[in-house]
Structures are given as C-alpha cells and as structure tokens.
Amino acid sequence: MNTDRALRKSRVGKVVSNKMDKTIVVAIEGSKKHLYKKIIKHTVKFKAHDEKNECNVGDKVLIMETRPISKDKNWRLVEIIERAK
C-alpha cells in the first residue's frame, strides 16, 4: 500500500518567492540540447506548499509531488537543504 509513495516525483530547486501565505515558488533550472547542438538553459517554476512559512528567498529546497492543494499548487516542501547566505 505504501509503494505508491515511491512513484511521486521530487525536485531540488531554489526559492524565488515567498510572498504568499504558506506558498513558495521554486525555480528549477535545467539545460537542453538545441536542434543544432547548442545547449540552452531553461527554468521551470513550481508553486509548493510550505506549511510553517519557514522558507526564505534563495534557499535550496527539496519538493515532492502531492495531491492538488489549490488551482496551480500540487507540490509540497519536504526539506530545506541549504539556507540562503
């Protein structure tokens, strides 16, 4: 029964906004190879649930996919890996 938890996606990213109540915006950077072999950086932003409002801008965090919490929020904060300096 608990084997479903292993199928959830998890991502590591940087907090870019914490202005909402119990919500953080996490940016995850990646790179893709273009058609002509040029490497292009791209950023994907996710809204994640932060129950205790403990994240600050610049923190490196681990988020995990969860059930839909609001219209566009279906990730939750698992842990803060590194605090912003």
C-alpha atoms as a PDB file:
ATOM      1  CA  MET A   1       0.000   0.000   0.000  1.00  0.00           C
ATOM      2  CA  ASN A   2       2.843   2.439   0.738  1.00  0.00           C
ATOM      3  CA  THR A   3       4.562   1.576  -2.549  1.00  0.00           C
ATOM      4  CA  ASP A   4       2.648   4.448  -4.220  1.00  0.00           C
ATOM      5  CA  ARG A   5       4.818   6.977  -2.374  1.00  0.00           C
ATOM      6  CA  ALA A   6       7.924   5.865  -4.275  1.00  0.00           C
ATOM      7  CA  LEU A   7       6.302   6.894  -7.567  1.00  0.00           C
ATOM      8  CA  ARG A   8       5.995  10.571  -6.614  1.00  0.00           C
ATOM      9  CA  LYS A   9       8.350  12.973  -8.325  1.00  0.00           C
ATOM     10  CA  SER A  10      10.768  15.054  -6.295  1.00  0.00           C
ATOM     11  CA  ARG A  11      12.843  18.017  -7.407  1.00  0.00           C
ATOM     12  CA  VAL A  12      15.606  20.187  -5.939  1.00  0.00           C
ATOM     13  CA  GLY A  13      15.388  23.897  -6.663  1.00  0.00           C
ATOM     14  CA  LYS A  14      15.821  27.422  -5.406  1.00  0.00           C
ATOM     15  CA  VAL A  15      13.115  29.527  -3.748  1.00  0.00           C
ATOM     16  CA  VAL A  16      12.440  32.652  -5.814  1.00  0.00           C
ATOM     17  CA  SER A  17       9.379  33.961  -3.927  1.00  0.00           C
ATOM     18  CA  ASN A  18       7.757  33.505  -0.516  1.00  0.00           C
ATOM     19  CA  LYS A  19       5.302  36.423  -0.573  1.00  0.00           C
ATOM     20  CA  MET A  20       2.186  34.241  -0.464  1.00  0.00           C
ATOM     21  CA  ASP A  21       0.865  32.680   2.736  1.00  0.00           C
ATOM     22  CA  LYS A  22       2.019  29.048   3.093  1.00  0.00           C
ATOM     23  CA  THR A  23       3.202  29.004  -0.526  1.00  0.00           C
ATOM     24  CA  ILE A  24       6.647  29.274  -2.074  1.00  0.00           C
ATOM     25  CA  VAL A  25       7.692  29.496  -5.720  1.00  0.00           C
ATOM     26  CA  VAL A  26      10.578  27.179  -6.551  1.00  0.00           C
ATOM     27  CA  ALA A  27      12.631  27.592  -9.743  1.00  0.00           C
ATOM     28  CA  ILE A  28      14.293  24.518 -11.169  1.00  0.00           C
ATOM     29  CA  GLU A  29      16.981  25.099 -13.781  1.00  0.00           C
ATOM     30  CA  GLY A  30      17.884  22.635 -16.462  1.00  0.00           C
ATOM     31  CA  SER A  31      19.638  22.516 -19.793  1.00  0.00           C
ATOM     32  CA  LYS A  32      18.546  21.085 -23.103  1.00  0.00           C
ATOM     33  CA  LYS A  33      20.393  20.489 -26.311  1.00  0.00           C
ATOM     34  CA  HIS A  34      19.028  22.550 -29.191  1.00  0.00           C
ATOM     35  CA  LEU A  35      18.494  21.210 -32.690  1.00  0.00           C
ATOM     36  CA  TYR A  36      21.928  22.498 -33.739  1.00  0.00           C
ATOM     37  CA  LYS A  37      23.678  21.087 -30.649  1.00  0.00           C
ATOM     38  CA  LYS A  38      23.640  24.408 -28.777  1.00  0.00           C
ATOM     39  CA  ILE A  39      22.969  23.981 -25.050  1.00  0.00           C
ATOM     40  CA  ILE A  40      20.109  26.164 -23.819  1.00  0.00           C
ATOM     41  CA  LYS A  41      19.243  26.823 -20.169  1.00  0.00           C
ATOM     42  CA  HIS A  42      15.599  26.774 -19.210  1.00  0.00           C
ATOM     43  CA  THR A  43      13.782  27.417 -15.948  1.00  0.00           C
ATOM     44  CA  VAL A  44      10.569  25.824 -14.705  1.00  0.00           C
ATOM     45  CA  LYS A  45       8.712  27.344 -11.742  1.00  0.00           C
ATOM     46  CA  PHE A  46       6.558  25.332  -9.351  1.00  0.00           C
ATOM     47  CA  LYS A  47       4.334  26.552  -6.532  1.00  0.00           C
ATOM     48  CA  ALA A  48       4.845  24.433  -3.425  1.00  0.00           C
ATOM     49  CA  HIS A  49       3.058  24.235  -0.077  1.00  0.00           C
ATOM     50  CA  ASP A  50       5.135  25.478   2.885  1.00  0.00           C
ATOM     51  CA  GLU A  51       3.030  24.744   5.981  1.00  0.00           C
ATOM     52  CA  LYS A  52       5.179  26.630   8.518  1.00  0.00           C
ATOM     53  CA  ASN A  53       6.267  29.560   6.300  1.00  0.00           C
ATOM     54  CA  GLU A  54       9.895  28.696   7.079  1.00  0.00           C
ATOM     55  CA  CYS A  55      11.500  29.232   3.639  1.00  0.00           C
ATOM     56  CA  ASN A  56      13.212  32.413   2.520  1.00  0.00           C
ATOM     57  CA  VAL A  57      14.234  33.611  -0.931  1.00  0.00           C
ATOM     58  CA  GLY A  58      17.452  31.923  -2.033  1.00  0.00           C
ATOM     59  CA  ASP A  59      17.031  28.711  -0.013  1.00  0.00           C
ATOM     60  CA  LYS A  60      17.808  25.420  -1.741  1.00  0.00           C
ATOM     61  CA  VAL A  61      14.858  23.091  -1.124  1.00  0.00           C
ATOM     62  CA  LEU A  62      13.542  19.613  -1.908  1.00  0.00           C
ATOM     63  CA  ILE A  63       9.921  19.476  -3.062  1.00  0.00           C
ATOM     64  CA  MET A  64       7.704  16.454  -3.710  1.00  0.00           C
ATOM     65  CA  GLU A  65       4.643  15.993  -5.877  1.00  0.00           C
ATOM     66  CA  THR A  66       1.364  15.628  -3.973  1.00  0.00           C
ATOM     67  CA  ARG A  67      -2.390  15.845  -4.467  1.00  0.00           C
ATOM     68  CA  PRO A  68      -3.750  19.165  -5.791  1.00  0.00           C
ATOM     69  CA  ILE A  69      -3.825  21.675  -2.933  1.00  0.00           C
ATOM     70  CA  SER A  70      -5.131  24.613  -4.971  1.00  0.00           C
ATOM     71  CA  LYS A  71      -5.624  25.551  -8.620  1.00  0.00           C
ATOM     72  CA  ASP A  72      -1.938  25.522  -9.511  1.00  0.00           C
ATOM     73  CA  LYS A  73      -0.241  24.134  -6.393  1.00  0.00           C
ATOM     74  CA  ASN A  74       0.416  20.395  -6.272  1.00  0.00           C
ATOM     75  CA  TRP A  75       3.905  20.226  -4.753  1.00  0.00           C
ATOM     76  CA  ARG A  76       4.911  20.339  -1.094  1.00  0.00           C
ATOM     77  CA  LEU A  77       8.085  21.219   0.750  1.00  0.00           C
ATOM     78  CA  VAL A  78       9.957  18.181   2.073  1.00  0.00           C
ATOM     79  CA  GLU A  79      13.088  19.788   3.490  1.00  0.00           C
ATOM     80  CA  ILE A  80      15.339  22.805   3.294  1.00  0.00           C
ATOM     81  CA  ILE A  81      18.696  21.553   2.035  1.00  0.00           C
ATOM     82  CA  GLU A  82      20.652  24.802   2.317  1.00  0.00           C
ATOM     83  CA  ARG A  83      19.744  28.202   3.755  1.00  0.00           C
ATOM     84  CA  ALA A  84      20.434  31.391   1.812  1.00  0.00           C
ATOM     85  CA  LYS A  85      23.558  33.249   2.866  1.00  0.00           C
END
